[in-house]
PDB file of all heavy atoms in Angstrom:
ATOM      1  N   LYS A   1      -0.533 -14.877   1.749  1.00  0.00           N
ATOM      2  CA  LYS A   1       0.808 -15.255   2.194  1.00  0.00           C
ATOM      3  C   LYS A   1       1.197 -14.502   3.469  1.00  0.00           C
ATOM      4  O   LYS A   1       1.713 -15.080   4.424  1.00  0.00           O
ATOM      5  CB  LYS A   1       1.823 -14.935   1.086  1.00  0.00           C
ATOM      6  CG  LYS A   1       1.792 -15.896  -0.088  1.00  0.00           C
ATOM      7  CD  LYS A   1       2.739 -17.057   0.152  1.00  0.00           C
ATOM      8  CE  LYS A   1       2.894 -17.887  -1.122  1.00  0.00           C
ATOM      9  NZ  LYS A   1       3.806 -19.025  -0.919  1.00  0.00           N
ATOM     10  N   LEU A   2       0.966 -13.208   3.461  1.00  0.00           N
ATOM     11  CA  LEU A   2       1.341 -12.385   4.615  1.00  0.00           C
ATOM     12  C   LEU A   2       0.555 -12.792   5.857  1.00  0.00           C
ATOM     13  O   LEU A   2       1.108 -12.852   6.963  1.00  0.00           O
ATOM     14  CB  LEU A   2       1.105 -10.909   4.289  1.00  0.00           C
ATOM     15  CG  LEU A   2       2.059 -10.303   3.253  1.00  0.00           C
ATOM     16  CD1 LEU A   2       1.502  -8.995   2.715  1.00  0.00           C
ATOM     17  CD2 LEU A   2       3.443 -10.083   3.859  1.00  0.00           C
ATOM     18  N   HIS A   3      -0.711 -13.051   5.671  1.00  0.00           N
ATOM     19  CA  HIS A   3      -1.542 -13.484   6.795  1.00  0.00           C
ATOM     20  C   HIS A   3      -1.026 -14.806   7.339  1.00  0.00           C
ATOM     21  O   HIS A   3      -0.946 -15.017   8.564  1.00  0.00           O
ATOM     22  CB  HIS A   3      -3.000 -13.615   6.333  1.00  0.00           C
ATOM     23  CG  HIS A   3      -3.953 -13.797   7.483  1.00  0.00           C
ATOM     24  ND1 HIS A   3      -4.216 -15.022   8.040  1.00  0.00           N
ATOM     25  CD2 HIS A   3      -4.690 -12.893   8.188  1.00  0.00           C
ATOM     26  CE1 HIS A   3      -5.085 -14.882   9.030  1.00  0.00           C
ATOM     27  NE2 HIS A   3      -5.388 -13.589   9.136  1.00  0.00           N
ATOM     28  N   GLY A   4      -0.646 -15.708   6.422  1.00  0.00           N
ATOM     29  CA  GLY A   4      -0.122 -17.003   6.848  1.00  0.00           C
ATOM     30  C   GLY A   4       1.194 -16.892   7.594  1.00  0.00           C
ATOM     31  O   GLY A   4       1.475 -17.694   8.491  1.00  0.00           O
ATOM     32  N   PHE A   5       2.022 -15.919   7.238  1.00  0.00           N
ATOM     33  CA  PHE A   5       3.302 -15.731   7.914  1.00  0.00           C
ATOM     34  C   PHE A   5       3.153 -15.055   9.277  1.00  0.00           C
ATOM     35  O   PHE A   5       4.099 -14.991  10.046  1.00  0.00           O
ATOM     36  CB  PHE A   5       4.236 -14.871   7.056  1.00  0.00           C
ATOM     37  CG  PHE A   5       4.695 -15.541   5.786  1.00  0.00           C
ATOM     38  CD1 PHE A   5       5.258 -14.789   4.768  1.00  0.00           C
ATOM     39  CD2 PHE A   5       4.571 -16.916   5.608  1.00  0.00           C
ATOM     40  CE1 PHE A   5       5.692 -15.387   3.594  1.00  0.00           C
ATOM     41  CE2 PHE A   5       4.992 -17.521   4.432  1.00  0.00           C
ATOM     42  CZ  PHE A   5       5.548 -16.758   3.420  1.00  0.00           C
ATOM     43  N   GLY A   6       1.940 -14.530   9.564  1.00  0.00           N
ATOM     44  CA  GLY A   6       1.724 -13.863  10.851  1.00  0.00           C
ATOM     45  C   GLY A   6       2.012 -12.388  10.841  1.00  0.00           C
ATOM     46  O   GLY A   6       2.202 -11.780  11.910  1.00  0.00           O
ATOM     47  N   CYS A   7       2.045 -11.766   9.649  1.00  0.00           N
ATOM     48  CA  CYS A   7       2.251 -10.318   9.567  1.00  0.00           C
ATOM     49  C   CYS A   7       1.095  -9.601  10.260  1.00  0.00           C
ATOM     50  O   CYS A   7      -0.066  -9.992  10.130  1.00  0.00           O
ATOM     51  CB  CYS A   7       2.348  -9.911   8.109  1.00  0.00           C
ATOM     52  SG  CYS A   7       2.775  -8.181   7.862  1.00  0.00           S
ATOM     53  N   ASP A   8       1.384  -8.545  11.011  1.00  0.00           N
ATOM     54  CA  ASP A   8       0.352  -7.873  11.806  1.00  0.00           C
ATOM     55  C   ASP A   8      -0.572  -7.005  10.966  1.00  0.00           C
ATOM     56  O   ASP A   8      -1.792  -7.000  11.193  1.00  0.00           O
ATOM     57  CB  ASP A   8       1.014  -7.001  12.889  1.00  0.00           C
ATOM     58  CG  ASP A   8       1.801  -7.825  13.883  1.00  0.00           C
ATOM     59  OD1 ASP A   8       1.206  -8.712  14.516  1.00  0.00           O
ATOM     60  OD2 ASP A   8       3.023  -7.588  14.000  1.00  0.00           O
ATOM     61  N   GLU A   9       0.010  -6.232  10.006  1.00  0.00           N
ATOM     62  CA  GLU A   9      -0.791  -5.270   9.260  1.00  0.00           C
ATOM     63  C   GLU A   9      -0.384  -5.269   7.791  1.00  0.00           C
ATOM     64  O   GLU A   9       0.725  -5.686   7.432  1.00  0.00           O
ATOM     65  CB  GLU A   9      -0.597  -3.857   9.821  1.00  0.00           C
ATOM     66  CG  GLU A   9      -1.072  -3.668  11.245  1.00  0.00           C
ATOM     67  CD  GLU A   9      -0.773  -2.264  11.756  1.00  0.00           C
ATOM     68  OE1 GLU A   9       0.222  -1.657  11.293  1.00  0.00           O
ATOM     69  OE2 GLU A   9      -1.526  -1.772  12.610  1.00  0.00           O
ATOM     70  N   ILE A  10      -1.298  -4.743   6.968  1.00  0.00           N
ATOM     71  CA  ILE A  10      -0.977  -4.536   5.564  1.00  0.00           C
ATOM     72  C   ILE A  10      -1.395  -3.126   5.152  1.00  0.00           C
ATOM     73  O   ILE A  10      -2.261  -2.509   5.770  1.00  0.00           O
ATOM     74  CB  ILE A  10      -1.651  -5.577   4.641  1.00  0.00           C
ATOM     75  CG1 ILE A  10      -3.187  -5.424   4.695  1.00  0.00           C
ATOM     76  CG2 ILE A  10      -1.204  -6.979   4.974  1.00  0.00           C
ATOM     77  CD1 ILE A  10      -3.898  -6.160   3.587  1.00  0.00           C
ATOM     78  N   GLN A  11      -0.765  -2.687   4.048  1.00  0.00           N
ATOM     79  CA  GLN A  11      -1.043  -1.363   3.491  1.00  0.00           C
ATOM     80  C   GLN A  11      -0.796  -1.448   1.996  1.00  0.00           C
ATOM     81  O   GLN A  11       0.154  -2.086   1.556  1.00  0.00           O
ATOM     82  CB  GLN A  11      -0.098  -0.336   4.135  1.00  0.00           C
ATOM     83  CG  GLN A  11      -0.170   1.064   3.593  1.00  0.00           C
ATOM     84  CD  GLN A  11       0.867   1.988   4.257  1.00  0.00           C
ATOM     85  OE1 GLN A  11       1.470   1.623   5.262  1.00  0.00           O
ATOM     86  NE2 GLN A  11       1.082   3.155   3.691  1.00  0.00           N
ATOM     87  N   GLY A  12      -1.652  -0.875   1.196  1.00  0.00           N
ATOM     88  CA  GLY A  12      -1.421  -0.929  -0.237  1.00  0.00           C
ATOM     89  C   GLY A  12      -2.695  -0.746  -1.032  1.00  0.00           C
ATOM     90  O   GLY A  12      -3.789  -0.557  -0.483  1.00  0.00           O
ATOM     91  N   TYR A  13      -2.587  -0.836  -2.354  1.00  0.00           N
ATOM     92  CA  TYR A  13      -3.722  -0.595  -3.242  1.00  0.00           C
ATOM     93  C   TYR A  13      -4.806  -1.659  -3.116  1.00  0.00           C
ATOM     94  O   TYR A  13      -5.937  -1.433  -3.538  1.00  0.00           O
ATOM     95  CB  TYR A  13      -3.248  -0.513  -4.696  1.00  0.00           C
ATOM     96  CG  TYR A  13      -2.569   0.794  -5.035  1.00  0.00           C
ATOM     97  CD1 TYR A  13      -1.580   0.857  -6.007  1.00  0.00           C
ATOM     98  CD2 TYR A  13      -2.921   1.971  -4.383  1.00  0.00           C
ATOM     99  CE1 TYR A  13      -0.963   2.053  -6.328  1.00  0.00           C
ATOM    100  CE2 TYR A  13      -2.304   3.165  -4.689  1.00  0.00           C
ATOM    101  CZ  TYR A  13      -1.323   3.200  -5.659  1.00  0.00           C
ATOM    102  OH  TYR A  13      -0.713   4.392  -5.970  1.00  0.00           O
ATOM    103  N   LEU A  14      -4.486  -2.819  -2.557  1.00  0.00           N
ATOM    104  CA  LEU A  14      -5.534  -3.813  -2.320  1.00  0.00           C
ATOM    105  C   LEU A  14      -6.581  -3.244  -1.372  1.00  0.00           C
ATOM    106  O   LEU A  14      -7.777  -3.563  -1.480  1.00  0.00           O
ATOM    107  CB  LEU A  14      -4.929  -5.093  -1.728  1.00  0.00           C
ATOM    108  CG  LEU A  14      -5.912  -6.234  -1.452  1.00  0.00           C
ATOM    109  CD1 LEU A  14      -6.510  -6.746  -2.761  1.00  0.00           C
ATOM    110  CD2 LEU A  14      -5.250  -7.364  -0.685  1.00  0.00           C
ATOM    111  N   ILE A  15      -6.159  -2.403  -0.454  1.00  0.00           N
ATOM    112  CA  ILE A  15      -7.087  -1.750   0.475  1.00  0.00           C
ATOM    113  C   ILE A  15      -7.574  -0.444  -0.124  1.00  0.00           C
ATOM    114  O   ILE A  15      -8.771  -0.222  -0.296  1.00  0.00           O
ATOM    115  CB  ILE A  15      -6.392  -1.485   1.832  1.00  0.00           C
ATOM    116  CG1 ILE A  15      -5.820  -2.782   2.404  1.00  0.00           C
ATOM    117  CG2 ILE A  15      -7.367  -0.834   2.817  1.00  0.00           C
ATOM    118  CD1 ILE A  15      -6.833  -3.874   2.590  1.00  0.00           C
ATOM    119  N   SER A  16      -6.649   0.442  -0.449  1.00  0.00           N
ATOM    120  CA  SER A  16      -7.026   1.722  -1.045  1.00  0.00           C
ATOM    121  C   SER A  16      -5.780   2.449  -1.501  1.00  0.00           C
ATOM    122  O   SER A  16      -4.721   2.326  -0.887  1.00  0.00           O
ATOM    123  CB  SER A  16      -7.775   2.597  -0.038  1.00  0.00           C
ATOM    124  OG  SER A  16      -8.005   3.885  -0.565  1.00  0.00           O
ATOM    125  N   GLN A  17      -5.881   3.213  -2.564  1.00  0.00           N
ATOM    126  CA  GLN A  17      -4.816   4.118  -2.927  1.00  0.00           C
ATOM    127  C   GLN A  17      -4.887   5.347  -2.035  1.00  0.00           C
ATOM    128  O   GLN A  17      -5.915   5.599  -1.389  1.00  0.00           O
ATOM    129  CB  GLN A  17      -4.951   4.524  -4.389  1.00  0.00           C
ATOM    130  CG  GLN A  17      -6.228   5.302  -4.704  1.00  0.00           C
ATOM    131  CD  GLN A  17      -6.395   5.518  -6.193  1.00  0.00           C
ATOM    132  OE1 GLN A  17      -6.147   4.627  -6.993  1.00  0.00           O
ATOM    133  NE2 GLN A  17      -6.821   6.712  -6.560  1.00  0.00           N
ATOM    134  N   PRO A  18      -3.811   6.130  -1.929  1.00  0.00           N
ATOM    135  CA  PRO A  18      -3.854   7.336  -1.084  1.00  0.00           C
ATOM    136  C   PRO A  18      -4.887   8.332  -1.593  1.00  0.00           C
ATOM    137  O   PRO A  18      -5.012   8.554  -2.804  1.00  0.00           O
ATOM    138  CB  PRO A  18      -2.440   7.901  -1.215  1.00  0.00           C
ATOM    139  CG  PRO A  18      -1.596   6.736  -1.626  1.00  0.00           C
ATOM    140  CD  PRO A  18      -2.470   5.894  -2.500  1.00  0.00           C
ATOM    141  N   LYS A  19      -5.619   8.928  -0.649  1.00  0.00           N
ATOM    142  CA  LYS A  19      -6.658   9.906  -0.976  1.00  0.00           C
ATOM    143  C   LYS A  19      -6.706  10.966   0.117  1.00  0.00           C
ATOM    144  O   LYS A  19      -6.168  10.763   1.214  1.00  0.00           O
ATOM    145  CB  LYS A  19      -8.027   9.227  -1.046  1.00  0.00           C
ATOM    146  CG  LYS A  19      -8.150   8.116  -2.075  1.00  0.00           C
ATOM    147  CD  LYS A  19      -9.524   7.451  -1.965  1.00  0.00           C
ATOM    148  CE  LYS A  19      -9.662   6.285  -2.940  1.00  0.00           C
ATOM    149  NZ  LYS A  19     -10.969   5.603  -2.779  1.00  0.00           N
ATOM    150  N   PRO A  20      -7.378  12.083  -0.152  1.00  0.00           N
ATOM    151  CA  PRO A  20      -7.617  13.043   0.932  1.00  0.00           C
ATOM    152  C   PRO A  20      -8.403  12.368   2.056  1.00  0.00           C
ATOM    153  O   PRO A  20      -9.194  11.444   1.821  1.00  0.00           O
ATOM    154  CB  PRO A  20      -8.437  14.140   0.263  1.00  0.00           C
ATOM    155  CG  PRO A  20      -8.082  14.042  -1.183  1.00  0.00           C
ATOM    156  CD  PRO A  20      -7.866  12.584  -1.443  1.00  0.00           C
ATOM    157  N   LEU A  21      -8.195  12.804   3.272  1.00  0.00           N
ATOM    158  CA  LEU A  21      -8.841  12.149   4.418  1.00  0.00           C
ATOM    159  C   LEU A  21     -10.353  12.186   4.307  1.00  0.00           C
ATOM    160  O   LEU A  21     -11.054  11.273   4.778  1.00  0.00           O
ATOM    161  CB  LEU A  21      -8.381  12.831   5.716  1.00  0.00           C
ATOM    162  CG  LEU A  21      -8.773  12.116   7.016  1.00  0.00           C
ATOM    163  CD1 LEU A  21      -8.223  10.708   7.057  1.00  0.00           C
ATOM    164  CD2 LEU A  21      -8.287  12.920   8.228  1.00  0.00           C
ATOM    165  N   SER A  22     -10.891  13.208   3.669  1.00  0.00           N
ATOM    166  CA  SER A  22     -12.348  13.305   3.536  1.00  0.00           C
ATOM    167  C   SER A  22     -12.942  12.136   2.754  1.00  0.00           C
ATOM    168  O   SER A  22     -14.132  11.843   2.861  1.00  0.00           O
ATOM    169  CB  SER A  22     -12.726  14.622   2.845  1.00  0.00           C
ATOM    170  OG  SER A  22     -12.102  14.707   1.567  1.00  0.00           O
ATOM    171  N   ALA A  23     -12.130  11.462   1.964  1.00  0.00           N
ATOM    172  CA  ALA A  23     -12.631  10.327   1.180  1.00  0.00           C
ATOM    173  C   ALA A  23     -12.905   9.115   2.048  1.00  0.00           C
ATOM    174  O   ALA A  23     -13.573   8.164   1.608  1.00  0.00           O
ATOM    175  CB  ALA A  23     -11.619   9.964   0.096  1.00  0.00           C
ATOM    176  N   PHE A  24     -12.415   9.134   3.279  1.00  0.00           N
ATOM    177  CA  PHE A  24     -12.593   7.989   4.176  1.00  0.00           C
ATOM    178  C   PHE A  24     -13.603   8.329   5.272  1.00  0.00           C
ATOM    179  O   PHE A  24     -13.386   8.057   6.447  1.00  0.00           O
ATOM    180  CB  PHE A  24     -11.245   7.587   4.789  1.00  0.00           C
ATOM    181  CG  PHE A  24     -10.203   7.226   3.762  1.00  0.00           C
ATOM    182  CD1 PHE A  24      -9.157   8.101   3.478  1.00  0.00           C
ATOM    183  CD2 PHE A  24     -10.266   6.030   3.066  1.00  0.00           C
ATOM    184  CE1 PHE A  24      -8.198   7.789   2.533  1.00  0.00           C
ATOM    185  CE2 PHE A  24      -9.314   5.706   2.106  1.00  0.00           C
ATOM    186  CZ  PHE A  24      -8.281   6.594   1.844  1.00  0.00           C
ATOM    187  N   ARG A  25     -14.725   8.922   4.860  1.00  0.00           N
ATOM    188  CA  ARG A  25     -15.729   9.372   5.813  1.00  0.00           C
ATOM    189  C   ARG A  25     -16.258   8.213   6.657  1.00  0.00           C
ATOM    190  O   ARG A  25     -16.548   8.356   7.835  1.00  0.00           O
ATOM    191  CB  ARG A  25     -16.867  10.054   5.065  1.00  0.00           C
ATOM    192  CG  ARG A  25     -17.860  10.768   5.990  1.00  0.00           C
ATOM    193  CD  ARG A  25     -18.810  11.633   5.173  1.00  0.00           C
ATOM    194  NE  ARG A  25     -18.052  12.636   4.413  1.00  0.00           N
ATOM    195  CZ  ARG A  25     -18.575  13.359   3.449  1.00  0.00           C
ATOM    196  NH1 ARG A  25     -19.830  13.199   3.098  1.00  0.00           N
ATOM    197  NH2 ARG A  25     -17.843  14.251   2.816  1.00  0.00           N
ATOM    198  N   GLN A  26     -16.408   7.030   6.035  1.00  0.00           N
ATOM    199  CA  GLN A  26     -16.965   5.891   6.768  1.00  0.00           C
ATOM    200  C   GLN A  26     -16.068   5.503   7.934  1.00  0.00           C
ATOM    201  O   GLN A  26     -16.533   4.989   8.947  1.00  0.00           O
ATOM    202  CB  GLN A  26     -17.125   4.688   5.838  1.00  0.00           C
ATOM    203  CG  GLN A  26     -15.800   4.161   5.283  1.00  0.00           C
ATOM    204  CD  GLN A  26     -16.000   3.098   4.231  1.00  0.00           C
ATOM    205  OE1 GLN A  26     -16.586   3.355   3.199  1.00  0.00           O
ATOM    206  NE2 GLN A  26     -15.508   1.910   4.513  1.00  0.00           N
ATOM    207  N   VAL A  27     -14.743   5.742   7.790  1.00  0.00           N
ATOM    208  CA  VAL A  27     -13.834   5.442   8.884  1.00  0.00           C
ATOM    209  C   VAL A  27     -13.890   6.535   9.943  1.00  0.00           C
ATOM    210  O   VAL A  27     -13.931   6.278  11.140  1.00  0.00           O
ATOM    211  CB  VAL A  27     -12.397   5.298   8.343  1.00  0.00           C
ATOM    212  CG1 VAL A  27     -11.410   5.096   9.483  1.00  0.00           C
ATOM    213  CG2 VAL A  27     -12.318   4.135   7.372  1.00  0.00           C
ATOM    214  N   VAL A  28     -13.906   7.792   9.430  1.00  0.00           N
ATOM    215  CA  VAL A  28     -13.888   8.928  10.354  1.00  0.00           C
ATOM    216  C   VAL A  28     -15.135   8.981  11.204  1.00  0.00           C
ATOM    217  O   VAL A  28     -15.093   9.271  12.406  1.00  0.00           O
ATOM    218  CB  VAL A  28     -13.726  10.248   9.561  1.00  0.00           C
ATOM    219  CG1 VAL A  28     -13.825  11.435  10.488  1.00  0.00           C
ATOM    220  CG2 VAL A  28     -12.404  10.249   8.812  1.00  0.00           C
TER     221      VAL A  28
END
């Protein structure tokens, strides 16, 4: 729905719950 409405970004548990930054090594 959000993509269809043209929303720019999303944030939430569908992507990931909050974690220490070290848990996102693949991004870093």
